[in-house]
Amino acid sequence: MARTVPATAFLCQAGCDHVVIFPFMAKGHMLLLLHFATTLSAQHGRLRVTLVTTPGNVAFAQSRLPASVGLVALSFPSFPPLS
């Protein structure tokens, strides 16, 4: 299950920047941006870093991210058949 991020977590105090990373969901793109998010978080301690992914990629992302990087899972909407 993805780490839950309270709505107030997106509100930064003065001087706090927040980077949201939303990679293309292919593993090759994910790996590069997981590494980027980890490095960015480690190099800039006051910078909030959040990675957005789908529920199908949560386990993959969680196993490669430090706790300092937030993770948000967005589900795809489902629609009834058009027939």
PDB file of N, CA and C in Angstrom:
ATOM      1  N   MET A   1       0.844  -1.181   0.000  1.00  0.00           N
ATOM      2  CA  MET A   1       0.000   0.000   0.000  1.00  0.00           C
ATOM      3  C   MET A   1       0.886   1.240   0.000  1.00  0.00           C
ATOM      4  N   ALA A   2       0.489   2.262  -0.703  1.00  0.00           N
ATOM      5  CA  ALA A   2       1.276   3.488  -0.799  1.00  0.00           C
ATOM      6  C   ALA A   2       1.274   4.227   0.528  1.00  0.00           C
ATOM      7  N   ARG A   3       2.364   4.935   0.762  1.00  0.00           N
ATOM      8  CA  ARG A   3       2.379   5.797   1.932  1.00  0.00           C
ATOM      9  C   ARG A   3       1.308   6.855   1.729  1.00  0.00           C
ATOM     10  N   THR A   4       0.515   7.087   2.755  1.00  0.00           N
ATOM     11  CA  THR A   4      -0.522   8.098   2.618  1.00  0.00           C
ATOM     12  C   THR A   4       0.061   9.456   2.929  1.00  0.00           C
ATOM     13  N   VAL A   5      -0.360  10.423   2.180  1.00  0.00           N
ATOM     14  CA  VAL A   5       0.134  11.785   2.348  1.00  0.00           C
ATOM     15  C   VAL A   5      -1.056  12.656   2.712  1.00  0.00           C
ATOM     16  N   PRO A   6      -1.082  13.218   3.933  1.00  0.00           N
ATOM     17  CA  PRO A   6      -2.198  14.077   4.300  1.00  0.00           C
ATOM     18  C   PRO A   6      -2.227  15.327   3.424  1.00  0.00           C
ATOM     19  N   ALA A   7      -3.409  15.868   3.224  1.00  0.00           N
ATOM     20  CA  ALA A   7      -3.551  17.047   2.363  1.00  0.00           C
ATOM     21  C   ALA A   7      -2.668  18.199   2.818  1.00  0.00           C
ATOM     22  N   THR A   8      -2.470  18.334   4.122  1.00  0.00           N
ATOM     23  CA  THR A   8      -1.645  19.428   4.629  1.00  0.00           C
ATOM     24  C   THR A   8      -0.176  19.243   4.292  1.00  0.00           C
ATOM     25  N   ALA A   9       0.230  18.033   3.912  1.00  0.00           N
ATOM     26  CA  ALA A   9       1.633  17.788   3.569  1.00  0.00           C
ATOM     27  C   ALA A   9       2.044  18.540   2.317  1.00  0.00           C
ATOM     28  N   PHE A  10       1.067  18.902   1.480  1.00  0.00           N
ATOM     29  CA  PHE A  10       1.382  19.623   0.252  1.00  0.00           C
ATOM     30  C   PHE A  10       1.507  21.122   0.484  1.00  0.00           C
ATOM     31  N   LEU A  11       1.177  21.563   1.686  1.00  0.00           N
ATOM     32  CA  LEU A  11       1.313  22.974   2.023  1.00  0.00           C
ATOM     33  C   LEU A  11       2.667  23.185   2.687  1.00  0.00           C
ATOM     34  N   CYS A  12       3.507  23.969   2.065  1.00  0.00           N
ATOM     35  CA  CYS A  12       4.845  24.206   2.612  1.00  0.00           C
ATOM     36  C   CYS A  12       4.875  25.538   3.339  1.00  0.00           C
ATOM     37  N   GLN A  13       5.711  25.592   4.317  1.00  0.00           N
ATOM     38  CA  GLN A  13       5.946  26.846   5.022  1.00  0.00           C
ATOM     39  C   GLN A  13       6.819  27.717   4.128  1.00  0.00           C
ATOM     40  N   ALA A  14       7.038  28.954   4.506  1.00  0.00           N
ATOM     41  CA  ALA A  14       7.878  29.860   3.723  1.00  0.00           C
ATOM     42  C   ALA A  14       9.263  29.242   3.534  1.00  0.00           C
ATOM     43  N   GLY A  15       9.760  29.278   2.319  1.00  0.00           N
ATOM     44  CA  GLY A  15      11.084  28.752   2.028  1.00  0.00           C
ATOM     45  C   GLY A  15      11.120  27.271   1.716  1.00  0.00           C
ATOM     46  N   CYS A  16       9.967  26.627   1.678  1.00  0.00           N
ATOM     47  CA  CYS A  16       9.920  25.199   1.394  1.00  0.00           C
ATOM     48  C   CYS A  16       9.422  24.992  -0.030  1.00  0.00           C
ATOM     49  N   ASP A  17      10.230  24.327  -0.832  1.00  0.00           N
ATOM     50  CA  ASP A  17       9.837  24.024  -2.204  1.00  0.00           C
ATOM     51  C   ASP A  17       9.416  22.568  -2.294  1.00  0.00           C
ATOM     52  N   HIS A  18       8.522  22.286  -3.234  1.00  0.00           N
ATOM     53  CA  HIS A  18       7.981  20.938  -3.390  1.00  0.00           C
ATOM     54  C   HIS A  18       8.074  20.553  -4.862  1.00  0.00           C
ATOM     55  N   VAL A  19       8.742  19.442  -5.127  1.00  0.00           N
ATOM     56  CA  VAL A  19       8.865  18.922  -6.481  1.00  0.00           C
ATOM     57  C   VAL A  19       7.996  17.675  -6.581  1.00  0.00           C
ATOM     58  N   VAL A  20       7.115  17.654  -7.577  1.00  0.00           N
ATOM     59  CA  VAL A  20       6.271  16.487  -7.834  1.00  0.00           C
ATOM     60  C   VAL A  20       6.747  15.866  -9.136  1.00  0.00           C
ATOM     61  N   ILE A  21       7.057  14.578  -9.090  1.00  0.00           N
ATOM     62  CA  ILE A  21       7.573  13.858 -10.251  1.00  0.00           C
ATOM     63  C   ILE A  21       6.517  12.857 -10.697  1.00  0.00           C
ATOM     64  N   PHE A  22       6.124  12.942 -11.964  1.00  0.00           N
ATOM     65  CA  PHE A  22       5.101  12.063 -12.510  1.00  0.00           C
ATOM     66  C   PHE A  22       5.661  11.397 -13.767  1.00  0.00           C
ATOM     67  N   PRO A  23       6.377  10.273 -13.587  1.00  0.00           N
ATOM     68  CA  PRO A  23       7.014   9.622 -14.732  1.00  0.00           C
ATOM     69  C   PRO A  23       6.026   8.849 -15.593  1.00  0.00           C
ATOM     70  N   PHE A  24       6.405   8.639 -16.843  1.00  0.00           N
ATOM     71  CA  PHE A  24       5.689   7.704 -17.701  1.00  0.00           C
ATOM     72  C   PHE A  24       5.787   6.345 -17.010  1.00  0.00           C
ATOM     73  N   MET A  25       4.744   5.541 -17.055  1.00  0.00           N
ATOM     74  CA  MET A  25       4.666   4.353 -16.207  1.00  0.00           C
ATOM     75  C   MET A  25       5.474   3.140 -16.685  1.00  0.00           C
ATOM     76  N   ALA A  26       6.250   3.256 -17.735  1.00  0.00           N
ATOM     77  CA  ALA A  26       7.121   2.148 -18.162  1.00  0.00           C
ATOM     78  C   ALA A  26       8.288   2.027 -17.184  1.00  0.00           C
ATOM     79  N   LYS A  27       8.739   0.809 -16.917  1.00  0.00           N
ATOM     80  CA  LYS A  27       9.783   0.571 -15.910  1.00  0.00           C
ATOM     81  C   LYS A  27      11.071   1.348 -16.217  1.00  0.00           C
ATOM     82  N   GLY A  28      11.442   1.467 -17.483  1.00  0.00           N
ATOM     83  CA  GLY A  28      12.650   2.205 -17.834  1.00  0.00           C
ATOM     84  C   GLY A  28      12.576   3.668 -17.420  1.00  0.00           C
ATOM     85  N   HIS A  29      11.424   4.278 -17.598  1.00  0.00           N
ATOM     86  CA  HIS A  29      11.231   5.668 -17.181  1.00  0.00           C
ATOM     87  C   HIS A  29      11.164   5.759 -15.661  1.00  0.00           C
ATOM     88  N   MET A  30      10.484   4.802 -15.054  1.00  0.00           N
ATOM     89  CA  MET A  30      10.342   4.790 -13.597  1.00  0.00           C
ATOM     90  C   MET A  30      11.705   4.700 -12.912  1.00  0.00           C
ATOM     91  N   LEU A  31      12.561   3.795 -13.366  1.00  0.00           N
ATOM     92  CA  LEU A  31      13.871   3.607 -12.723  1.00  0.00           C
ATOM     93  C   LEU A  31      14.687   4.893 -12.718  1.00  0.00           C
ATOM     94  N   LEU A  32      14.734   5.566 -13.851  1.00  0.00           N
ATOM     95  CA  LEU A  32      15.505   6.813 -13.926  1.00  0.00           C
ATOM     96  C   LEU A  32      14.949   7.878 -12.988  1.00  0.00           C
ATOM     97  N   LEU A  33      13.639   8.011 -12.960  1.00  0.00           N
ATOM     98  CA  LEU A  33      13.063   9.057 -12.121  1.00  0.00           C
ATOM     99  C   LEU A  33      13.008   8.677 -10.644  1.00  0.00           C
ATOM    100  N   LEU A  34      12.998   7.393 -10.323  1.00  0.00           N
ATOM    101  CA  LEU A  34      13.146   6.976  -8.921  1.00  0.00           C
ATOM    102  C   LEU A  34      14.536   7.355  -8.422  1.00  0.00           C
ATOM    103  N   HIS A  35      15.522   7.118  -9.251  1.00  0.00           N
ATOM    104  CA  HIS A  35      16.896   7.492  -8.898  1.00  0.00           C
ATOM    105  C   HIS A  35      17.015   9.008  -8.763  1.00  0.00           C
ATOM    106  N   PHE A  36      16.420   9.740  -9.686  1.00  0.00           N
ATOM    107  CA  PHE A  36      16.439  11.209  -9.627  1.00  0.00           C
ATOM    108  C   PHE A  36      15.767  11.717  -8.349  1.00  0.00           C
ATOM    109  N   ALA A  37      14.600  11.166  -8.005  1.00  0.00           N
ATOM    110  CA  ALA A  37      13.883  11.589  -6.798  1.00  0.00           C
ATOM    111  C   ALA A  37      14.711  11.320  -5.546  1.00  0.00           C
ATOM    112  N   THR A  38      15.359  10.161  -5.491  1.00  0.00           N
ATOM    113  CA  THR A  38      16.193   9.808  -4.342  1.00  0.00           C
ATOM    114  C   THR A  38      17.378  10.759  -4.217  1.00  0.00           C
ATOM    115  N   THR A  39      18.039  11.020  -5.326  1.00  0.00           N
ATOM    116  CA  THR A  39      19.199  11.917  -5.318  1.00  0.00           C
ATOM    117  C   THR A  39      18.788  13.331  -4.962  1.00  0.00           C
ATOM    118  N   LEU A  40      17.698  13.802  -5.537  1.00  0.00           N
ATOM    119  CA  LEU A  40      17.212  15.148  -5.260  1.00  0.00           C
ATOM    120  C   LEU A  40      16.882  15.315  -3.779  1.00  0.00           C
ATOM    121  N   SER A  41      16.225  14.332  -3.212  1.00  0.00           N
ATOM    122  CA  SER A  41      15.868  14.380  -1.797  1.00  0.00           C
ATOM    123  C   SER A  41      17.105  14.363  -0.902  1.00  0.00           C
ATOM    124  N   ALA A  42      18.095  13.553  -1.263  1.00  0.00           N
ATOM    125  CA  ALA A  42      19.318  13.439  -0.454  1.00  0.00           C
ATOM    126  C   ALA A  42      20.163  14.708  -0.534  1.00  0.00           C
ATOM    127  N   GLN A  43      20.203  15.336  -1.689  1.00  0.00           N
ATOM    128  CA  GLN A  43      21.056  16.506  -1.883  1.00  0.00           C
ATOM    129  C   GLN A  43      20.439  17.793  -1.352  1.00  0.00           C
ATOM    130  N   HIS A  44      19.109  17.837  -1.301  1.00  0.00           N
ATOM    131  CA  HIS A  44      18.408  19.061  -0.886  1.00  0.00           C
ATOM    132  C   HIS A  44      17.427  18.721   0.217  1.00  0.00           C
ATOM    133  N   GLY A  45      17.910  18.689   1.438  1.00  0.00           N
ATOM    134  CA  GLY A  45      17.113  18.259   2.581  1.00  0.00           C
ATOM    135  C   GLY A  45      15.843  19.044   2.828  1.00  0.00           C
ATOM    136  N   ARG A  46      15.830  20.325   2.489  1.00  0.00           N
ATOM    137  CA  ARG A  46      14.638  21.135   2.735  1.00  0.00           C
ATOM    138  C   ARG A  46      13.633  21.048   1.599  1.00  0.00           C
ATOM    139  N   LEU A  47      13.952  20.325   0.570  1.00  0.00           N
ATOM    140  CA  LEU A  47      13.090  20.186  -0.599  1.00  0.00           C
ATOM    141  C   LEU A  47      12.187  18.978  -0.422  1.00  0.00           C
ATOM    142  N   ARG A  48      10.887  19.171  -0.575  1.00  0.00           N
ATOM    143  CA  ARG A  48       9.936  18.049  -0.530  1.00  0.00           C
ATOM    144  C   ARG A  48       9.896  17.419  -1.917  1.00  0.00           C
ATOM    145  N   VAL A  49       9.977  16.106  -1.969  1.00  0.00           N
ATOM    146  CA  VAL A  49       9.924  15.382  -3.236  1.00  0.00           C
ATOM    147  C   VAL A  49       8.819  14.337  -3.141  1.00  0.00           C
ATOM    148  N   THR A  50       7.912  14.348  -4.106  1.00  0.00           N
ATOM    149  CA  THR A  50       6.815  13.394  -4.151  1.00  0.00           C
ATOM    150  C   THR A  50       6.771  12.764  -5.534  1.00  0.00           C
ATOM    151  N   LEU A  51       6.645  11.456  -5.569  1.00  0.00           N
ATOM    152  CA  LEU A  51       6.525  10.721  -6.823  1.00  0.00           C
ATOM    153  C   LEU A  51       5.084  10.256  -6.971  1.00  0.00           C
ATOM    154  N   VAL A  52       4.508  10.484  -8.143  1.00  0.00           N
ATOM    155  CA  VAL A  52       3.139  10.067  -8.434  1.00  0.00           C
ATOM    156  C   VAL A  52       3.213   8.836  -9.327  1.00  0.00           C
ATOM    157  N   THR A  53       2.424   7.819  -9.001  1.00  0.00           N
ATOM    158  CA  THR A  53       2.412   6.589  -9.795  1.00  0.00           C
ATOM    159  C   THR A  53       1.019   5.975  -9.759  1.00  0.00           C
ATOM    160  N   THR A  54       0.880   4.832 -10.377  1.00  0.00           N
ATOM    161  CA  THR A  54      -0.389   4.103 -10.366  1.00  0.00           C
ATOM    162  C   THR A  54      -0.310   2.981  -9.331  1.00  0.00           C
ATOM    163  N   PRO A  55      -1.446   2.450  -8.880  1.00  0.00           N
ATOM    164  CA  PRO A  55      -1.421   1.375  -7.896  1.00  0.00           C
ATOM    165  C   PRO A  55      -0.594   0.165  -8.334  1.00  0.00           C
ATOM    166  N   GLY A  56      -0.544  -0.114  -9.621  1.00  0.00           N
ATOM    167  CA  GLY A  56       0.220  -1.249 -10.113  1.00  0.00           C
ATOM    168  C   GLY A  56       1.725  -1.092  -9.975  1.00  0.00           C
ATOM    169  N   ASN A  57       2.201   0.135  -9.818  1.00  0.00           N
ATOM    170  CA  ASN A  57       3.632   0.400  -9.694  1.00  0.00           C
ATOM    171  C   ASN A  57       4.064   0.767  -8.271  1.00  0.00           C
ATOM    172  N   VAL A  58       3.128   0.761  -7.327  1.00  0.00           N
ATOM    173  CA  VAL A  58       3.446   1.187  -5.962  1.00  0.00           C
ATOM    174  C   VAL A  58       4.513   0.301  -5.323  1.00  0.00           C
ATOM    175  N   ALA A  59       4.354  -0.999  -5.380  1.00  0.00           N
ATOM    176  CA  ALA A  59       5.327  -1.905  -4.742  1.00  0.00           C
ATOM    177  C   ALA A  59       6.710  -1.726  -5.362  1.00  0.00           C
ATOM    178  N   PHE A  60       6.757  -1.608  -6.673  1.00  0.00           N
ATOM    179  CA  PHE A  60       8.019  -1.395  -7.386  1.00  0.00           C
ATOM    180  C   PHE A  60       8.690  -0.104  -6.910  1.00  0.00           C
ATOM    181  N   ALA A  61       7.915   0.979  -6.813  1.00  0.00           N
ATOM    182  CA  ALA A  61       8.461   2.278  -6.401  1.00  0.00           C
ATOM    183  C   ALA A  61       8.855   2.267  -4.924  1.00  0.00           C
ATOM    184  N   GLN A  62       8.002   1.723  -4.067  1.00  0.00           N
ATOM    185  CA  GLN A  62       8.280   1.725  -2.630  1.00  0.00           C
ATOM    186  C   GLN A  62       9.567   0.977  -2.304  1.00  0.00           C
ATOM    187  N   SER A  63       9.838  -0.071  -3.019  1.00  0.00           N
ATOM    188  CA  SER A  63      11.032  -0.866  -2.719  1.00  0.00           C
ATOM    189  C   SER A  63      12.315  -0.143  -3.114  1.00  0.00           C
ATOM    190  N   ARG A  64      12.190   0.940  -3.862  1.00  0.00           N
ATOM    191  CA  ARG A  64      13.369   1.652  -4.348  1.00  0.00           C
ATOM    192  C   ARG A  64      13.469   3.090  -3.845  1.00  0.00           C
ATOM    193  N   LEU A  65      12.503   3.550  -3.072  1.00  0.00           N
ATOM    194  CA  LEU A  65      12.506   4.929  -2.586  1.00  0.00           C
ATOM    195  C   LEU A  65      12.801   4.996  -1.088  1.00  0.00           C
ATOM    196  N   PRO A  66      13.556   6.003  -0.664  1.00  0.00           N
ATOM    197  CA  PRO A  66      13.743   6.211   0.774  1.00  0.00           C
ATOM    198  C   PRO A  66      12.477   6.838   1.365  1.00  0.00           C
ATOM    199  N   ALA A  67      12.361   6.789   2.667  1.00  0.00           N
ATOM    200  CA  ALA A  67      11.182   7.354   3.342  1.00  0.00           C
ATOM    201  C   ALA A  67      11.065   8.862   3.142  1.00  0.00           C
ATOM    202  N   SER A  68      12.163   9.524   2.770  1.00  0.00           N
ATOM    203  CA  SER A  68      12.142  10.976   2.577  1.00  0.00           C
ATOM    204  C   SER A  68      11.418  11.390   1.302  1.00  0.00           C
ATOM    205  N   VAL A  69      11.133  10.449   0.424  1.00  0.00           N
ATOM    206  CA  VAL A  69      10.408  10.747  -0.816  1.00  0.00           C
ATOM    207  C   VAL A  69       8.979  10.255  -0.658  1.00  0.00           C
ATOM    208  N   GLY A  70       8.018  11.167  -0.822  1.00  0.00           N
ATOM    209  CA  GLY A  70       6.612  10.797  -0.722  1.00  0.00           C
ATOM    210  C   GLY A  70       6.163  10.026  -1.952  1.00  0.00           C
ATOM    211  N   LEU A  71       5.148   9.228  -1.782  1.00  0.00           N
ATOM    212  CA  LEU A  71       4.618   8.428  -2.876  1.00  0.00           C
ATOM    213  C   LEU A  71       3.102   8.535  -2.864  1.00  0.00           C
ATOM    214  N   VAL A  72       2.533   8.906  -3.999  1.00  0.00           N
ATOM    215  CA  VAL A  72       1.089   9.039  -4.134  1.00  0.00           C
ATOM    216  C   VAL A  72       0.640   8.152  -5.285  1.00  0.00           C
ATOM    217  N   ALA A  73      -0.361   7.310  -5.050  1.00  0.00           N
ATOM    218  CA  ALA A  73      -0.905   6.440  -6.090  1.00  0.00           C
ATOM    219  C   ALA A  73      -2.214   7.012  -6.609  1.00  0.00           C
ATOM    220  N   LEU A  74      -2.295   7.171  -7.909  1.00  0.00           N
ATOM    221  CA  LEU A  74      -3.517   7.637  -8.553  1.00  0.00           C
ATOM    222  C   LEU A  74      -4.123   6.479  -9.336  1.00  0.00           C
ATOM    223  N   SER A  75      -5.369   6.185  -9.059  1.00  0.00           N
ATOM    224  CA  SER A  75      -6.058   5.110  -9.775  1.00  0.00           C
ATOM    225  C   SER A  75      -6.621   5.636 -11.085  1.00  0.00           C
ATOM    226  N   PHE A  76      -6.645   4.780 -12.077  1.00  0.00           N
ATOM    227  CA  PHE A  76      -7.297   5.137 -13.330  1.00  0.00           C
ATOM    228  C   PHE A  76      -8.797   5.074 -13.116  1.00  0.00           C
ATOM    229  N   PRO A  77      -9.545   6.007 -13.693  1.00  0.00           N
ATOM    230  CA  PRO A  77     -11.005   5.941 -13.547  1.00  0.00           C
ATOM    231  C   PRO A  77     -11.555   4.762 -14.346  1.00  0.00           C
ATOM    232  N   SER A  78     -12.639   4.214 -13.874  1.00  0.00           N
ATOM    233  CA  SER A  78     -13.287   3.139 -14.629  1.00  0.00           C
ATOM    234  C   SER A  78     -14.647   3.639 -15.107  1.00  0.00           C
ATOM    235  N   PHE A  79     -14.972   3.278 -16.308  1.00  0.00           N
ATOM    236  CA  PHE A  79     -16.225   3.700 -16.911  1.00  0.00           C
ATOM    237  C   PHE A  79     -17.004   2.462 -17.339  1.00  0.00           C
ATOM    238  N   PRO A  80     -18.330   2.530 -17.319  1.00  0.00           N
ATOM    239  CA  PRO A  80     -19.107   1.379 -17.782  1.00  0.00           C
ATOM    240  C   PRO A  80     -18.893   1.186 -19.288  1.00  0.00           C
ATOM    241  N   PRO A  81     -19.099  -0.027 -19.767  1.00  0.00           N
ATOM    242  CA  PRO A  81     -18.955  -0.273 -21.208  1.00  0.00           C
ATOM    243  C   PRO A  81     -19.886   0.627 -22.015  1.00  0.00           C
ATOM    244  N   LEU A  82     -19.480   0.942 -23.231  1.00  0.00           N
ATOM    245  CA  LEU A  82     -20.271   1.834 -24.079  1.00  0.00           C
ATOM    246  C   LEU A  82     -21.314   1.099 -24.911  1.00  0.00           C
ATOM    247  N   SER A  83     -21.452  -0.178 -24.748  1.00  0.00           N
ATOM    248  CA  SER A  83     -22.397  -0.930 -25.588  1.00  0.00           C
ATOM    249  C   SER A  83     -23.826  -0.773 -25.147  1.00  0.00           C
TER     250      SER A  83
END
